[in-house]
């Protein structure tokens, strides 16, 4: 079973940017549709963005125009560029395989924390 390691989170001010990284434990990752999810304190985990095995992308309405998902096949990595951060973007961000309806498959990693300050 593929495992993911997320990184790149941090403490930033509203309006700033971060680049989150997700690295998979297997080369088969290049065949997977992969998504980013986030979970804020007291809330359920929610879908953020996904990228298919052939680099088609899909975003939650709340992040369209601000977040960009991409992938590097040679590094088995998927990235999430998060721009114009808002307070409501603060959460732990996770990546995972997704199905055709962008629902997560498999187990979760540790995630990476994004904190937004004023």
Protein backbone atom coordinates (compact mmCIF):
# COMPACT_ATOMS: atom_id res chain seq x y z
CA UNK A 1 0.00 0.00 0.00
CA UNK A 2 1.35 3.38 -0.99
CA UNK A 3 2.31 5.77 1.79
CA UNK A 4 2.47 9.53 1.49
CA UNK A 5 4.66 12.06 3.27
CA UNK A 6 3.45 15.64 3.31
CA UNK A 7 5.63 18.68 3.99
CA UNK A 8 5.91 22.39 3.37
CA UNK A 9 3.41 23.76 5.84
CA UNK A 10 4.16 26.59 8.21
CA UNK A 11 3.06 29.82 9.81
CA UNK A 12 2.32 32.59 7.33
CA UNK A 13 0.42 35.84 7.26
CA UNK A 14 -2.85 36.23 5.45
CA UNK A 15 -2.20 36.90 1.77
CA UNK A 16 1.08 35.02 1.66
CA UNK A 17 1.92 31.74 -0.08
CA UNK A 18 3.21 28.26 0.61
CA UNK A 19 4.12 25.27 -1.49
CA UNK A 20 3.06 21.96 -0.03
CA UNK A 21 4.68 18.72 -1.13
CA UNK A 22 3.46 15.15 -1.10
CA UNK A 23 5.88 12.35 -1.85
CA UNK A 24 4.74 8.78 -2.42
CA UNK A 25 6.54 5.63 -1.38
CA UNK A 26 6.10 3.85 -4.70
CA UNK A 27 6.85 4.49 -8.35
CA UNK A 28 3.34 3.25 -9.13
CA UNK A 29 2.24 6.64 -7.89
CA UNK A 30 2.55 7.94 -11.42
CA UNK A 31 -0.56 5.93 -12.33
CA UNK A 32 -2.67 7.30 -9.48
CA UNK A 33 -5.15 10.11 -9.33
CA UNK A 34 -4.08 12.05 -6.24
CA UNK A 35 -5.77 14.65 -4.13
CA UNK A 36 -5.13 17.14 -1.38
CA UNK A 37 -7.47 17.36 1.58
CA UNK A 38 -7.49 19.50 4.69
CA UNK A 39 -8.90 19.34 8.16
CA UNK A 40 -9.36 22.34 10.42
CA UNK A 41 -9.88 21.96 14.18
CA UNK A 42 -13.39 20.81 14.97
CA UNK A 43 -14.25 20.26 11.31
CA UNK A 44 -14.41 17.28 9.02
CA UNK A 45 -11.69 16.61 6.51
CA UNK A 46 -12.57 18.21 3.18
CA UNK A 47 -11.47 17.92 -0.42
CA UNK A 48 -9.21 20.69 -1.73
CA UNK A 49 -7.80 19.69 -5.11
CA UNK A 50 -6.93 16.67 -7.23
CA UNK A 51 -4.79 15.80 -10.19
CA UNK A 52 -5.27 12.79 -12.42
CA UNK A 53 -2.57 10.41 -13.58
CA UNK A 54 -2.40 12.44 -16.83
CA UNK A 55 -2.35 15.83 -15.04
CA UNK A 56 -5.95 16.94 -15.36
CA UNK A 57 -6.90 19.05 -12.35
CA UNK A 58 -9.97 19.66 -10.23
CA UNK A 59 -10.49 22.13 -7.38
CA UNK A 60 -12.92 22.83 -4.59
CA UNK A 61 -14.80 26.07 -5.23
CA UNK A 62 -13.30 27.62 -2.11
CA UNK A 63 -9.75 27.46 -3.48
CA UNK A 64 -10.23 27.98 -7.23
CA UNK A 65 -7.96 30.69 -8.53
CA UNK A 66 -5.76 30.64 -5.42
CA UNK A 67 -4.43 27.07 -5.22
CA UNK A 68 -2.61 25.16 -7.94
CA UNK A 69 -1.99 21.42 -7.91
CA UNK A 70 0.79 19.87 -9.96
CA UNK A 71 2.87 16.72 -10.08
CA UNK A 72 6.39 15.59 -10.86
CA UNK A 73 6.44 12.07 -12.25
CA UNK A 74 10.18 11.63 -11.84
CA UNK A 75 10.05 12.48 -8.13
CA UNK A 76 6.79 10.66 -7.33
CA UNK A 77 5.53 13.95 -5.95
CA UNK A 78 2.41 16.06 -6.02
CA UNK A 79 2.52 19.72 -5.05
CA UNK A 80 -0.03 22.23 -3.89
CA UNK A 81 0.84 25.88 -4.42
CA UNK A 82 -1.32 27.86 -2.02
CA UNK A 83 -1.50 31.57 -2.73
CA UNK A 84 -3.45 34.45 -1.21
CA UNK A 85 -3.94 32.48 1.98
CA UNK A 86 -6.96 33.28 4.09
CA UNK A 87 -7.62 32.59 7.75
CA UNK A 88 -10.08 29.89 6.75
CA UNK A 89 -7.33 28.02 4.89
CA UNK A 90 -5.63 27.17 8.18
CA UNK A 91 -5.72 23.40 8.61
CA UNK A 92 -3.68 20.23 8.45
CA UNK A 93 -3.24 19.33 4.80
CA UNK A 94 -3.09 15.73 3.64
CA UNK A 95 -2.66 13.96 0.34
CA UNK A 96 -4.09 10.63 -0.72
CA UNK A 97 -5.08 8.62 -3.71
CA UNK A 98 -8.56 9.47 -4.95
CA UNK A 99 -11.25 7.70 -6.95
CA UNK A 100 -13.11 9.11 -9.94
CA UNK A 101 -15.33 11.14 -7.61
CA UNK A 102 -12.32 12.59 -5.76
CA UNK A 103 -12.98 10.50 -2.66
CA UNK A 104 -9.91 9.43 -0.69
CA UNK A 105 -8.55 5.92 -0.89
CA UNK A 106 -6.10 4.23 1.44
CA UNK A 107 -4.63 5.43 4.68
CA UNK A 108 -3.65 8.95 5.77
CA UNK A 109 -0.20 10.28 6.47
CA UNK A 110 0.78 12.77 9.16
CA UNK A 111 -0.18 15.79 7.13
CA UNK A 112 1.41 19.21 7.18
CA UNK A 113 0.11 22.10 9.27
CA UNK A 114 -0.75 25.43 7.67
CA UNK A 115 -1.33 28.28 10.10
CA UNK A 116 -2.47 31.71 8.94
CA UNK A 117 -1.96 34.76 11.11
CA UNK A 118 -3.02 38.38 10.79
